[in-house]
Amino acid sequence: MIDDKICELRDKLNKSIIDGVDYGIIYKISVELDDLIAEYYREEKDMQDDNKKALTAV
């Protein structure tokens, strides 16, 4: 899910850079991509924490 969104935004960013789109738009896409990547890592960390809790509860 989020992986797909990250890939789509990355492709959109790359295309914008190649096409010479206005820097403001490139910056906006870059910030959106950074936010998605941060969300991805937060979710991964939460899953790892949940797994550790489940293992120690046994």
C-alpha atoms as a PDB file:
ATOM      1  CA  MET A   1       0.000   0.000   0.000  1.00  0.00           C
ATOM      2  CA  ILE A   2       2.337   2.699   1.203  1.00  0.00           C
ATOM      3  CA  ASP A   3       5.127   1.101  -0.832  1.00  0.00           C
ATOM      4  CA  ASP A   4       3.107   1.695  -3.989  1.00  0.00           C
ATOM      5  CA  LYS A   5       2.477   5.327  -3.069  1.00  0.00           C
ATOM      6  CA  ILE A   6       6.191   5.842  -2.434  1.00  0.00           C
ATOM      7  CA  CYS A   7       7.070   4.345  -5.825  1.00  0.00           C
ATOM      8  CA  GLU A   8       4.469   6.473  -7.607  1.00  0.00           C
ATOM      9  CA  LEU A   9       5.667   9.684  -5.966  1.00  0.00           C
ATOM     10  CA  ARG A  10       9.313   8.799  -6.619  1.00  0.00           C
ATOM     11  CA  ASP A  11       8.512   8.282 -10.297  1.00  0.00           C
ATOM     12  CA  LYS A  12       6.563  11.545 -10.385  1.00  0.00           C
ATOM     13  CA  LEU A  13       9.489  13.366  -8.765  1.00  0.00           C
ATOM     14  CA  ASN A  14      12.010  11.891 -11.189  1.00  0.00           C
ATOM     15  CA  LYS A  15       9.839  12.787 -14.180  1.00  0.00           C
ATOM     16  CA  SER A  16       9.382  16.329 -12.880  1.00  0.00           C
ATOM     17  CA  ILE A  17      13.136  16.770 -12.529  1.00  0.00           C
ATOM     18  CA  ILE A  18      13.818  15.370 -16.001  1.00  0.00           C
ATOM     19  CA  ASP A  19      11.084  17.541 -17.551  1.00  0.00           C
ATOM     20  CA  GLY A  20      12.444  20.672 -15.859  1.00  0.00           C
ATOM     21  CA  VAL A  21       9.255  21.416 -13.945  1.00  0.00           C
ATOM     22  CA  ASP A  22       9.203  24.495 -11.708  1.00  0.00           C
ATOM     23  CA  TYR A  23      11.361  24.064  -8.600  1.00  0.00           C
ATOM     24  CA  GLY A  24       8.439  24.829  -6.279  1.00  0.00           C
ATOM     25  CA  ILE A  25       6.518  21.842  -7.621  1.00  0.00           C
ATOM     26  CA  ILE A  26       9.580  19.604  -7.412  1.00  0.00           C
ATOM     27  CA  TYR A  27      10.106  20.706  -3.810  1.00  0.00           C
ATOM     28  CA  LYS A  28       6.448  20.002  -2.924  1.00  0.00           C
ATOM     29  CA  ILE A  29       6.636  16.484  -4.387  1.00  0.00           C
ATOM     30  CA  SER A  30       9.919  15.888  -2.572  1.00  0.00           C
ATOM     31  CA  VAL A  31       8.405  16.897   0.773  1.00  0.00           C
ATOM     32  CA  GLU A  32       5.397  14.638   0.171  1.00  0.00           C
ATOM     33  CA  LEU A  33       7.759  11.770  -0.631  1.00  0.00           C
ATOM     34  CA  ASP A  34       9.797  12.421   2.514  1.00  0.00           C
ATOM     35  CA  ASP A  35       6.611  12.368   4.606  1.00  0.00           C
ATOM     36  CA  LEU A  36       5.533   9.041   3.095  1.00  0.00           C
ATOM     37  CA  ILE A  37       8.951   7.503   3.690  1.00  0.00           C
ATOM     38  CA  ALA A  38       8.876   8.676   7.315  1.00  0.00           C
ATOM     39  CA  GLU A  39       5.394   7.170   7.715  1.00  0.00           C
ATOM     40  CA  TYR A  40       6.644   3.895   6.231  1.00  0.00           C
ATOM     41  CA  TYR A  41       9.477   3.677   8.757  1.00  0.00           C
ATOM     42  CA  ARG A  42       7.151   4.588  11.654  1.00  0.00           C
ATOM     43  CA  GLU A  43       4.834   1.751  10.645  1.00  0.00           C
ATOM     44  CA  GLU A  44       7.760  -0.667  10.334  1.00  0.00           C
ATOM     45  CA  LYS A  45       9.015   0.307  13.788  1.00  0.00           C
ATOM     46  CA  ASP A  46       5.544  -0.110  15.276  1.00  0.00           C
ATOM     47  CA  MET A  47       5.267  -3.595  13.769  1.00  0.00           C
ATOM     48  CA  GLN A  48       8.682  -4.569  15.137  1.00  0.00           C
ATOM     49  CA  ASP A  49       7.727  -3.251  18.577  1.00  0.00           C
ATOM     50  CA  ASP A  50       4.466  -5.221  18.479  1.00  0.00           C
ATOM     51  CA  ASN A  51       6.362  -8.378  17.509  1.00  0.00           C
ATOM     52  CA  LYS A  52       8.804  -7.915  20.388  1.00  0.00           C
ATOM     53  CA  LYS A  53       5.930  -7.447  22.827  1.00  0.00           C
ATOM     54  CA  ALA A  54       4.219 -10.592  21.535  1.00  0.00           C
ATOM     55  CA  LEU A  55       7.407 -12.611  21.912  1.00  0.00           C
ATOM     56  CA  THR A  56       8.090 -11.442  25.448  1.00  0.00           C
ATOM     57  CA  ALA A  57       4.480 -12.056  26.500  1.00  0.00           C
ATOM     58  CA  VAL A  58       4.798 -15.782  25.757  1.00  0.00           C
END
